[in-house]
């Protein structure tokens, strides 16, 4: 009889242990899911902050390029040449592409960021070329 009582107690303990183990696994799963969700939210927030910071910096550069383009037009004695109009058009395109910068992943954002930076660098070169030509024309006119 003692063996039967021992066997029943052992079965009850095993059943109780299995129930506790199952509940523990469920709790661990819920905790891991919550941690993964928080990590995803943190990553998304970080990406959004980086996108906004890039937009602000690129906007500042774009404003500087616009001012330089205007200065080049002024040096050309107010005449807007075809290349000057092209630069203004490209500045408008760059502004539009800046508004569209973003991405759902870091890789998409990095690619968009690279494209905008390349476009801004190209515009800067064209504006500098325009300023050089305007300066040369002004110098030639003074001679």
N, C-alpha and C. Protein backbone atom coordinates (compact mmCIF):
# COMPACT_ATOMS: atom_id res chain seq x y z
N UNK A 1 0.82 -1.17 0.00
CA UNK A 1 0.00 0.00 0.00
C UNK A 1 0.88 1.26 0.00
N UNK A 2 1.92 1.22 0.73
CA UNK A 2 2.84 2.34 0.76
C UNK A 2 3.40 2.59 -0.64
N UNK A 3 3.60 1.52 -1.36
CA UNK A 3 4.11 1.70 -2.72
C UNK A 3 3.07 2.38 -3.61
N UNK A 4 1.81 2.03 -3.43
CA UNK A 4 0.76 2.66 -4.22
C UNK A 4 0.64 4.15 -3.88
N UNK A 5 0.70 4.47 -2.64
CA UNK A 5 0.63 5.87 -2.21
C UNK A 5 1.85 6.61 -2.75
N UNK A 6 2.99 5.99 -2.68
CA UNK A 6 4.21 6.61 -3.20
C UNK A 6 4.10 6.82 -4.72
N UNK A 7 3.55 5.83 -5.41
CA UNK A 7 3.40 5.92 -6.87
C UNK A 7 2.42 7.02 -7.23
N UNK A 8 1.32 7.13 -6.50
CA UNK A 8 0.33 8.17 -6.75
C UNK A 8 0.94 9.54 -6.46
N UNK A 9 1.67 9.65 -5.37
CA UNK A 9 2.33 10.93 -5.03
C UNK A 9 3.34 11.30 -6.10
N UNK A 10 4.09 10.33 -6.57
CA UNK A 10 5.08 10.57 -7.61
C UNK A 10 4.40 11.04 -8.89
N UNK A 11 3.30 10.41 -9.28
CA UNK A 11 2.56 10.82 -10.47
C UNK A 11 2.00 12.23 -10.31
N UNK A 12 1.50 12.54 -9.13
CA UNK A 12 0.99 13.89 -8.88
C UNK A 12 2.11 14.92 -8.97
N UNK A 13 3.25 14.60 -8.42
CA UNK A 13 4.40 15.52 -8.48
C UNK A 13 4.85 15.72 -9.93
N UNK A 14 4.90 14.65 -10.70
CA UNK A 14 5.30 14.75 -12.10
C UNK A 14 4.29 15.61 -12.87
N UNK A 15 3.01 15.38 -12.64
CA UNK A 15 1.97 16.14 -13.32
C UNK A 15 2.07 17.62 -12.95
N UNK A 16 2.28 17.89 -11.68
CA UNK A 16 2.42 19.26 -11.20
C UNK A 16 3.67 19.91 -11.79
N UNK A 17 4.77 19.17 -11.85
CA UNK A 17 6.01 19.69 -12.42
C UNK A 17 5.83 20.01 -13.89
N UNK A 18 5.14 19.14 -14.62
CA UNK A 18 4.90 19.38 -16.04
C UNK A 18 4.06 20.64 -16.23
N UNK A 19 3.06 20.81 -15.38
CA UNK A 19 2.21 22.00 -15.46
C UNK A 19 3.03 23.25 -15.18
N UNK A 20 3.89 23.20 -14.17
CA UNK A 20 4.74 24.34 -13.85
C UNK A 20 5.73 24.62 -14.97
N UNK A 21 6.28 23.58 -15.57
CA UNK A 21 7.23 23.74 -16.67
C UNK A 21 6.52 24.38 -17.86
N UNK A 22 5.34 23.93 -18.18
CA UNK A 22 4.57 24.49 -19.29
C UNK A 22 4.29 25.96 -19.05
N UNK A 23 3.89 26.30 -17.85
CA UNK A 23 3.62 27.72 -17.52
C UNK A 23 4.90 28.54 -17.60
N UNK A 24 6.00 27.95 -17.14
CA UNK A 24 7.29 28.65 -17.22
C UNK A 24 7.71 28.91 -18.65
N UNK A 25 7.52 27.94 -19.52
CA UNK A 25 7.85 28.11 -20.94
C UNK A 25 6.97 29.19 -21.55
N UNK A 26 5.70 29.21 -21.20
CA UNK A 26 4.79 30.24 -21.71
C UNK A 26 5.24 31.63 -21.25
N UNK A 27 5.63 31.73 -19.99
CA UNK A 27 6.08 33.03 -19.46
C UNK A 27 7.36 33.47 -20.16
N UNK A 28 8.29 32.54 -20.36
CA UNK A 28 9.53 32.86 -21.05
C UNK A 28 9.26 33.31 -22.48
N UNK A 29 8.33 32.64 -23.13
CA UNK A 29 7.97 33.00 -24.51
C UNK A 29 7.38 34.40 -24.57
N UNK A 30 6.49 34.70 -23.63
CA UNK A 30 5.88 36.04 -23.59
C UNK A 30 6.96 37.11 -23.33
N UNK A 31 7.88 36.80 -22.44
CA UNK A 31 8.94 37.77 -22.12
C UNK A 31 9.84 38.00 -23.33
N UNK A 32 10.19 36.93 -24.04
CA UNK A 32 11.02 37.08 -25.23
C UNK A 32 10.30 37.84 -26.33
N UNK A 33 9.02 37.59 -26.49
CA UNK A 33 8.24 38.31 -27.50
C UNK A 33 8.17 39.80 -27.17
N UNK A 34 7.97 40.12 -25.91
CA UNK A 34 7.92 41.52 -25.49
C UNK A 34 9.27 42.19 -25.71
N UNK A 35 10.35 41.48 -25.42
CA UNK A 35 11.69 42.04 -25.60
C UNK A 35 11.98 42.26 -27.09
N UNK A 36 11.58 41.31 -27.93
CA UNK A 36 11.78 41.46 -29.38
C UNK A 36 10.97 42.63 -29.92
N UNK A 37 9.75 42.80 -29.44
CA UNK A 37 8.91 43.91 -29.88
C UNK A 37 9.53 45.24 -29.46
N UNK A 38 10.04 45.32 -28.25
CA UNK A 38 10.67 46.55 -27.77
C UNK A 38 11.92 46.86 -28.59
N UNK A 39 12.69 45.83 -28.90
CA UNK A 39 13.89 46.02 -29.70
C UNK A 39 13.53 46.54 -31.10
N UNK A 40 12.49 45.99 -31.68
CA UNK A 40 12.04 46.45 -33.00
C UNK A 40 11.58 47.90 -32.94
N UNK A 41 10.86 48.26 -31.90
CA UNK A 41 10.40 49.64 -31.73
C UNK A 41 11.58 50.59 -31.55
N UNK A 42 12.58 50.16 -30.78
CA UNK A 42 13.78 50.99 -30.58
C UNK A 42 14.53 51.20 -31.89
N UNK A 43 14.64 50.13 -32.67
CA UNK A 43 15.33 50.22 -33.96
C UNK A 43 14.58 51.16 -34.90
N UNK A 44 13.27 51.05 -34.93
CA UNK A 44 12.46 51.92 -35.79
C UNK A 44 12.60 53.38 -35.36
N UNK A 45 12.57 53.62 -34.06
CA UNK A 45 12.70 54.99 -33.55
C UNK A 45 14.07 55.56 -33.89
N UNK A 46 15.10 54.74 -33.79
CA UNK A 46 16.45 55.18 -34.12
C UNK A 46 16.55 55.55 -35.60
N UNK A 47 15.97 54.71 -36.46
CA UNK A 47 15.98 54.99 -37.89
C UNK A 47 15.22 56.28 -38.19
N UNK A 48 14.08 56.48 -37.56
CA UNK A 48 13.31 57.71 -37.78
C UNK A 48 14.09 58.94 -37.34
N UNK A 49 14.80 58.84 -36.20
CA UNK A 49 15.63 59.98 -35.75
C UNK A 49 16.74 60.27 -36.75
N UNK A 50 17.38 59.20 -37.26
CA UNK A 50 18.46 59.38 -38.22
C UNK A 50 17.95 59.99 -39.52
N UNK A 51 16.79 59.56 -39.96
CA UNK A 51 16.19 60.11 -41.19
C UNK A 51 15.91 61.60 -41.01
N UNK A 52 15.33 61.96 -39.89
CA UNK A 52 15.00 63.37 -39.64
C UNK A 52 16.27 64.22 -39.54
N UNK A 53 17.28 63.70 -38.85
CA UNK A 53 18.55 64.43 -38.74
C UNK A 53 19.18 64.63 -40.12
N UNK A 54 19.11 63.59 -40.95
CA UNK A 54 19.66 63.72 -42.30
C UNK A 54 18.88 64.74 -43.11
N UNK A 55 17.57 64.72 -42.99
CA UNK A 55 16.75 65.70 -43.73
C UNK A 55 17.11 67.12 -43.33
N UNK A 56 17.29 67.36 -42.06
CA UNK A 56 17.63 68.70 -41.58
C UNK A 56 18.99 69.13 -42.15
N UNK A 57 19.98 68.24 -42.07
CA UNK A 57 21.31 68.56 -42.57
C UNK A 57 21.31 68.76 -44.09
N UNK A 58 20.62 67.89 -44.80
CA UNK A 58 20.55 68.02 -46.26
C UNK A 58 19.80 69.28 -46.66
N UNK A 59 18.77 69.63 -45.91
CA UNK A 59 18.03 70.87 -46.19
C UNK A 59 18.94 72.08 -46.02
N UNK A 60 19.77 72.04 -44.97
CA UNK A 60 20.73 73.13 -44.75
C UNK A 60 21.69 73.24 -45.94
N UNK A 61 22.20 72.10 -46.41
CA UNK A 61 23.11 72.10 -47.55
C UNK A 61 22.40 72.60 -48.80
N UNK A 62 21.16 72.17 -48.97
CA UNK A 62 20.38 72.59 -50.14
C UNK A 62 20.14 74.10 -50.11
N UNK A 63 19.88 74.64 -48.93
CA UNK A 63 19.70 76.09 -48.80
C UNK A 63 20.99 76.83 -49.16
N UNK A 64 22.12 76.27 -48.73
CA UNK A 64 23.40 76.89 -49.07
C UNK A 64 23.64 76.85 -50.58
N UNK A 65 23.31 75.72 -51.19
CA UNK A 65 23.46 75.61 -52.64
C UNK A 65 22.55 76.58 -53.37
N UNK A 66 21.33 76.74 -52.87
CA UNK A 66 20.39 77.70 -53.48
C UNK A 66 20.93 79.12 -53.39
N UNK A 67 21.49 79.45 -52.24
CA UNK A 67 22.08 80.79 -52.07
C UNK A 67 23.25 80.98 -53.02
N UNK A 68 24.07 79.95 -53.16
CA UNK A 68 25.20 80.03 -54.08
C UNK A 68 24.73 80.17 -55.52
N UNK A 69 23.66 79.46 -55.88
CA UNK A 69 23.12 79.56 -57.23
C UNK A 69 22.60 80.97 -57.48
N UNK A 70 21.94 81.54 -56.50
CA UNK A 70 21.45 82.92 -56.64
C UNK A 70 22.61 83.89 -56.78
N UNK A 71 23.65 83.65 -56.00
CA UNK A 71 24.85 84.49 -56.07
C UNK A 71 25.47 84.40 -57.46
N UNK A 72 25.51 83.20 -58.02
CA UNK A 72 26.06 83.03 -59.36
C UNK A 72 25.22 83.79 -60.37
N UNK A 73 23.90 83.76 -60.21
CA UNK A 73 23.02 84.51 -61.11
C UNK A 73 23.26 86.00 -60.98
N UNK A 74 23.47 86.47 -59.74
CA UNK A 74 23.73 87.90 -59.52
C UNK A 74 25.06 88.31 -60.16
N UNK A 75 26.06 87.45 -60.04
CA UNK A 75 27.36 87.77 -60.63
C UNK A 75 27.28 87.80 -62.15
N UNK A 76 26.34 87.05 -62.68
CA UNK A 76 26.16 87.05 -64.14
C UNK A 76 25.28 88.23 -64.55
N UNK A 77 25.20 89.23 -63.68
CA UNK A 77 24.48 90.47 -63.92
C UNK A 77 22.99 90.22 -64.11
N UNK A 78 22.46 89.32 -63.30
CA UNK A 78 21.02 89.11 -63.28
C UNK A 78 20.50 88.23 -64.38
N UNK A 79 21.30 87.93 -65.39
CA UNK A 79 20.82 87.08 -66.48
C UNK A 79 20.85 85.62 -66.06
N UNK A 80 19.75 84.97 -66.25
CA UNK A 80 19.70 83.55 -65.91
C UNK A 80 20.00 82.76 -67.16
N UNK A 81 21.16 82.15 -67.17
CA UNK A 81 21.54 81.36 -68.34
C UNK A 81 20.83 80.03 -68.33
N UNK A 82 20.97 79.32 -69.42
CA UNK A 82 20.34 77.99 -69.52
C UNK A 82 20.89 77.07 -68.44
N UNK A 83 22.21 77.10 -68.23
CA UNK A 83 22.80 76.24 -67.20
C UNK A 83 22.35 76.67 -65.81
N UNK A 84 22.15 77.97 -65.61
CA UNK A 84 21.65 78.45 -64.33
C UNK A 84 20.24 77.95 -64.07
N UNK A 85 19.42 77.92 -65.11
CA UNK A 85 18.06 77.40 -64.96
C UNK A 85 18.09 75.90 -64.69
N UNK A 86 19.02 75.21 -65.33
CA UNK A 86 19.16 73.77 -65.09
C UNK A 86 19.53 73.51 -63.64
N UNK A 87 20.41 74.32 -63.11
CA UNK A 87 20.81 74.16 -61.71
C UNK A 87 19.61 74.40 -60.80
N UNK A 88 18.83 75.45 -61.10
CA UNK A 88 17.64 75.71 -60.28
C UNK A 88 16.65 74.55 -60.36
N UNK A 89 16.50 73.99 -61.57
CA UNK A 89 15.61 72.83 -61.73
C UNK A 89 16.13 71.64 -60.92
N UNK A 90 17.43 71.43 -60.96
CA UNK A 90 18.02 70.31 -60.22
C UNK A 90 17.91 70.54 -58.71
N UNK A 91 17.99 71.80 -58.29
CA UNK A 91 17.79 72.10 -56.87
C UNK A 91 16.36 71.75 -56.45
N UNK A 92 15.41 72.05 -57.31
CA UNK A 92 14.01 71.72 -57.01
C UNK A 92 13.83 70.20 -56.96
N UNK A 93 14.47 69.49 -57.88
CA UNK A 93 14.40 68.03 -57.87
C UNK A 93 15.03 67.47 -56.59
N UNK A 94 16.15 68.05 -56.20
CA UNK A 94 16.83 67.59 -54.98
C UNK A 94 15.94 67.82 -53.76
N UNK A 95 15.24 68.94 -53.74
CA UNK A 95 14.33 69.21 -52.62
C UNK A 95 13.23 68.17 -52.58
N UNK A 96 12.69 67.81 -53.74
CA UNK A 96 11.64 66.79 -53.79
C UNK A 96 12.18 65.44 -53.34
N UNK A 97 13.37 65.08 -53.80
CA UNK A 97 13.93 63.79 -53.40
C UNK A 97 14.25 63.78 -51.91
N UNK A 98 14.57 64.93 -51.37
CA UNK A 98 14.84 65.03 -49.93
C UNK A 98 13.56 64.77 -49.14
N UNK A 99 12.45 65.26 -49.66
CA UNK A 99 11.16 65.02 -49.00
C UNK A 99 10.80 63.54 -49.00
N UNK A 100 11.30 62.81 -50.02
CA UNK A 100 10.98 61.39 -50.17
C UNK A 100 11.97 60.48 -49.46
N UNK A 101 13.03 61.05 -48.88
CA UNK A 101 14.05 60.23 -48.22
C UNK A 101 13.41 59.50 -47.05
N UNK A 102 13.75 58.28 -46.94
CA UNK A 102 13.23 57.47 -45.85
C UNK A 102 13.58 56.03 -46.10
N UNK A 103 12.72 55.17 -45.71
CA UNK A 103 12.94 53.75 -45.92
C UNK A 103 12.43 52.98 -44.73
N UNK A 104 12.11 51.75 -45.02
CA UNK A 104 11.63 50.89 -43.95
C UNK A 104 12.77 50.18 -43.25
N UNK A 105 13.92 50.14 -43.92
CA UNK A 105 15.08 49.48 -43.33
C UNK A 105 16.26 50.43 -43.35
N UNK A 106 17.25 50.11 -42.56
CA UNK A 106 18.48 50.91 -42.52
C UNK A 106 19.15 50.90 -43.89
N UNK A 107 19.14 49.75 -44.57
CA UNK A 107 19.78 49.65 -45.89
C UNK A 107 19.08 50.56 -46.91
N UNK A 108 17.75 50.60 -46.89
CA UNK A 108 17.01 51.48 -47.80
C UNK A 108 17.34 52.95 -47.51
N UNK A 109 17.40 53.30 -46.24
CA UNK A 109 17.72 54.68 -45.88
C UNK A 109 19.14 55.03 -46.31
N UNK A 110 20.08 54.11 -46.06
CA UNK A 110 21.48 54.39 -46.44
C UNK A 110 21.61 54.60 -47.94
N UNK A 111 20.88 53.82 -48.73
CA UNK A 111 20.92 53.98 -50.18
C UNK A 111 20.32 55.32 -50.60
N UNK A 112 19.19 55.68 -50.04
CA UNK A 112 18.56 56.97 -50.35
C UNK A 112 19.46 58.12 -49.93
N UNK A 113 20.08 57.99 -48.78
CA UNK A 113 21.00 59.01 -48.27
C UNK A 113 22.19 59.18 -49.21
N UNK A 114 22.74 58.07 -49.69
CA UNK A 114 23.87 58.13 -50.61
C UNK A 114 23.47 58.86 -51.90
N UNK A 115 22.28 58.54 -52.42
CA UNK A 115 21.83 59.18 -53.65
C UNK A 115 21.64 60.68 -53.47
N UNK A 116 21.05 61.09 -52.36
CA UNK A 116 20.86 62.52 -52.11
C UNK A 116 22.21 63.22 -51.95
N UNK A 117 23.11 62.62 -51.21
CA UNK A 117 24.44 63.22 -51.04
C UNK A 117 25.17 63.34 -52.37
N UNK A 118 25.05 62.33 -53.22
CA UNK A 118 25.67 62.40 -54.55
C UNK A 118 25.07 63.53 -55.37
N UNK A 119 23.75 63.66 -55.30
CA UNK A 119 23.07 64.72 -56.05
C UNK A 119 23.50 66.10 -55.53
N UNK A 120 23.59 66.25 -54.23
CA UNK A 120 24.02 67.54 -53.66
C UNK A 120 25.46 67.86 -54.05
N UNK A 121 26.32 66.86 -54.07
CA UNK A 121 27.72 67.08 -54.46
C UNK A 121 27.79 67.50 -55.93
N UNK A 122 27.00 66.86 -56.78
CA UNK A 122 26.97 67.22 -58.19
C UNK A 122 26.48 68.66 -58.38
N UNK A 123 25.44 69.02 -57.64
CA UNK A 123 24.93 70.39 -57.73
C UNK A 123 25.97 71.39 -57.26
N UNK A 124 26.66 71.06 -56.19
CA UNK A 124 27.71 71.95 -55.69
C UNK A 124 28.79 72.19 -56.73
N UNK A 125 29.18 71.13 -57.43
CA UNK A 125 30.19 71.27 -58.50
C UNK A 125 29.67 72.16 -59.62
N UNK A 126 28.42 71.96 -60.02
CA UNK A 126 27.86 72.77 -61.10
C UNK A 126 27.76 74.24 -60.70
N UNK A 127 27.39 74.47 -59.47
CA UNK A 127 27.28 75.86 -59.00
C UNK A 127 28.66 76.50 -58.96
N UNK A 128 29.65 75.75 -58.47
CA UNK A 128 31.02 76.29 -58.45
C UNK A 128 31.51 76.59 -59.86
N UNK A 129 31.19 75.72 -60.80
CA UNK A 129 31.56 75.97 -62.19
C UNK A 129 30.88 77.24 -62.69
N UNK A 130 29.61 77.41 -62.34
CA UNK A 130 28.87 78.61 -62.74
C UNK A 130 29.47 79.86 -62.14
N UNK A 131 29.87 79.77 -60.87
CA UNK A 131 30.51 80.92 -60.22
C UNK A 131 31.84 81.25 -60.90
N UNK A 132 32.59 80.22 -61.23
CA UNK A 132 33.87 80.45 -61.92
C UNK A 132 33.64 81.13 -63.27
N UNK A 133 32.65 80.65 -64.02
CA UNK A 133 32.36 81.25 -65.33
C UNK A 133 31.88 82.69 -65.17
N UNK A 134 31.03 82.93 -64.16
CA UNK A 134 30.53 84.28 -63.94
C UNK A 134 31.68 85.20 -63.56
N UNK A 135 32.59 84.70 -62.73
CA UNK A 135 33.74 85.50 -62.33
C UNK A 135 34.64 85.79 -63.52
N UNK A 136 34.85 84.79 -64.35
CA UNK A 136 35.66 84.99 -65.55
C UNK A 136 35.02 86.00 -66.49
N UNK A 137 33.69 85.91 -66.64
CA UNK A 137 32.99 86.85 -67.52
C UNK A 137 33.07 88.27 -66.96
N UNK A 138 32.93 88.40 -65.65
CA UNK A 138 33.02 89.73 -65.05
C UNK A 138 34.42 90.30 -65.19
N UNK A 139 35.40 89.45 -65.01
CA UNK A 139 36.79 89.88 -65.14
C UNK A 139 37.09 90.30 -66.58
N UNK A 140 36.55 89.54 -67.52
CA UNK A 140 36.76 89.85 -68.93
C UNK A 140 36.07 91.16 -69.30
N UNK A 141 34.90 91.39 -68.72
CA UNK A 141 34.16 92.62 -69.02
C UNK A 141 34.88 93.85 -68.47
N UNK A 142 35.61 93.68 -67.37
CA UNK A 142 36.32 94.80 -66.77
C UNK A 142 37.58 95.17 -67.54
N UNK A 143 38.08 94.27 -68.34
CA UNK A 143 39.33 94.53 -69.08
C UNK A 143 39.11 95.38 -70.27
